[in-house]
């Protein structure tokens, strides 16, 4: 009835590492976007704004 001998210090450190890795993975899913993805989104938003502005009708002095 002999169990495996476990060093508690090493066990605690390993558990802390796995907990940190789980938290890091969650943060990557929540906040992680590459710079390229951010730039692409920004460029697409700018393009959509330009296209929308091109279709606007401006009121002239004769129009009221």
C-alpha atoms as a PDB file:
ATOM      1  CA  UNK A   1       0.000   0.000   0.000  1.00  0.00           C
ATOM      2  CA  UNK A   2       2.764   2.363  -0.840  1.00  0.00           C
ATOM      3  CA  UNK A   3       1.759   5.472  -2.758  1.00  0.00           C
ATOM      4  CA  UNK A   4       3.918   7.593  -5.004  1.00  0.00           C
ATOM      5  CA  UNK A   5       6.139  10.022  -3.164  1.00  0.00           C
ATOM      6  CA  UNK A   6       5.336  13.576  -4.208  1.00  0.00           C
ATOM      7  CA  UNK A   7       7.405  16.647  -3.488  1.00  0.00           C
ATOM      8  CA  UNK A   8       4.805  19.210  -2.431  1.00  0.00           C
ATOM      9  CA  UNK A   9       6.947  22.193  -3.430  1.00  0.00           C
ATOM     10  CA  UNK A  10       7.295  20.881  -6.975  1.00  0.00           C
ATOM     11  CA  UNK A  11       3.618  19.970  -7.083  1.00  0.00           C
ATOM     12  CA  UNK A  12       2.603  23.504  -6.057  1.00  0.00           C
ATOM     13  CA  UNK A  13       4.917  25.066  -8.631  1.00  0.00           C
ATOM     14  CA  UNK A  14       3.581  22.814 -11.391  1.00  0.00           C
ATOM     15  CA  UNK A  15      -0.002  23.632 -10.417  1.00  0.00           C
ATOM     16  CA  UNK A  16       0.796  27.372 -10.458  1.00  0.00           C
ATOM     17  CA  UNK A  17       2.326  27.008 -13.944  1.00  0.00           C
ATOM     18  CA  UNK A  18      -0.720  25.218 -15.310  1.00  0.00           C
ATOM     19  CA  UNK A  19      -3.056  27.796 -13.733  1.00  0.00           C
ATOM     20  CA  UNK A  20      -1.061  30.642 -15.282  1.00  0.00           C
ATOM     21  CA  UNK A  21      -1.108  28.919 -18.670  1.00  0.00           C
ATOM     22  CA  UNK A  22      -4.892  28.490 -18.495  1.00  0.00           C
ATOM     23  CA  UNK A  23      -5.280  32.184 -17.642  1.00  0.00           C
ATOM     24  CA  UNK A  24      -2.927  33.157 -20.480  1.00  0.00           C
ATOM     25  CA  UNK A  25      -4.921  31.057 -22.950  1.00  0.00           C
ATOM     26  CA  UNK A  26      -8.135  32.714 -21.824  1.00  0.00           C
ATOM     27  CA  UNK A  27      -6.544  36.162 -22.226  1.00  0.00           C
ATOM     28  CA  UNK A  28      -5.322  35.258 -25.716  1.00  0.00           C
ATOM     29  CA  UNK A  29      -8.850  34.343 -26.724  1.00  0.00           C
ATOM     30  CA  UNK A  30     -10.323  37.448 -25.119  1.00  0.00           C
ATOM     31  CA  UNK A  31      -7.831  40.165 -26.032  1.00  0.00           C
ATOM     32  CA  UNK A  32      -5.417  38.676 -28.531  1.00  0.00           C
ATOM     33  CA  UNK A  33      -5.414  40.142 -31.987  1.00  0.00           C
ATOM     34  CA  UNK A  34      -2.311  40.534 -34.062  1.00  0.00           C
ATOM     35  CA  UNK A  35      -1.178  43.915 -35.271  1.00  0.00           C
ATOM     36  CA  UNK A  36      -1.999  42.850 -38.828  1.00  0.00           C
ATOM     37  CA  UNK A  37      -5.576  42.000 -37.833  1.00  0.00           C
ATOM     38  CA  UNK A  38      -5.961  45.373 -36.110  1.00  0.00           C
ATOM     39  CA  UNK A  39      -4.568  47.177 -39.174  1.00  0.00           C
ATOM     40  CA  UNK A  40      -6.880  45.236 -41.494  1.00  0.00           C
ATOM     41  CA  UNK A  41      -9.938  46.109 -39.422  1.00  0.00           C
ATOM     42  CA  UNK A  42      -8.910  49.757 -39.318  1.00  0.00           C
ATOM     43  CA  UNK A  43      -8.356  49.846 -43.093  1.00  0.00           C
ATOM     44  CA  UNK A  44     -11.736  48.229 -43.768  1.00  0.00           C
ATOM     45  CA  UNK A  45     -13.480  50.722 -41.485  1.00  0.00           C
ATOM     46  CA  UNK A  46     -11.748  53.647 -43.209  1.00  0.00           C
ATOM     47  CA  UNK A  47     -12.743  52.330 -46.620  1.00  0.00           C
ATOM     48  CA  UNK A  48     -16.362  51.882 -45.551  1.00  0.00           C
ATOM     49  CA  UNK A  49     -16.418  55.438 -44.216  1.00  0.00           C
ATOM     50  CA  UNK A  50     -15.013  56.819 -47.481  1.00  0.00           C
ATOM     51  CA  UNK A  51     -17.561  54.896 -49.556  1.00  0.00           C
ATOM     52  CA  UNK A  52     -20.376  56.117 -47.347  1.00  0.00           C
ATOM     53  CA  UNK A  53     -19.165  59.732 -47.557  1.00  0.00           C
ATOM     54  CA  UNK A  54     -18.983  59.555 -51.363  1.00  0.00           C
ATOM     55  CA  UNK A  55     -22.719  58.912 -51.536  1.00  0.00           C
ATOM     56  CA  UNK A  56     -23.709  61.882 -49.408  1.00  0.00           C
ATOM     57  CA  UNK A  57     -25.593  64.715 -50.996  1.00  0.00           C
ATOM     58  CA  UNK A  58     -24.483  68.135 -49.872  1.00  0.00           C
ATOM     59  CA  UNK A  59     -26.987  70.956 -49.652  1.00  0.00           C
ATOM     60  CA  UNK A  60     -26.177  73.907 -51.856  1.00  0.00           C
ATOM     61  CA  UNK A  61     -27.075  77.535 -51.276  1.00  0.00           C
ATOM     62  CA  UNK A  62     -30.237  77.239 -53.353  1.00  0.00           C
ATOM     63  CA  UNK A  63     -31.446  74.146 -51.495  1.00  0.00           C
ATOM     64  CA  UNK A  64     -33.226  74.615 -48.212  1.00  0.00           C
END
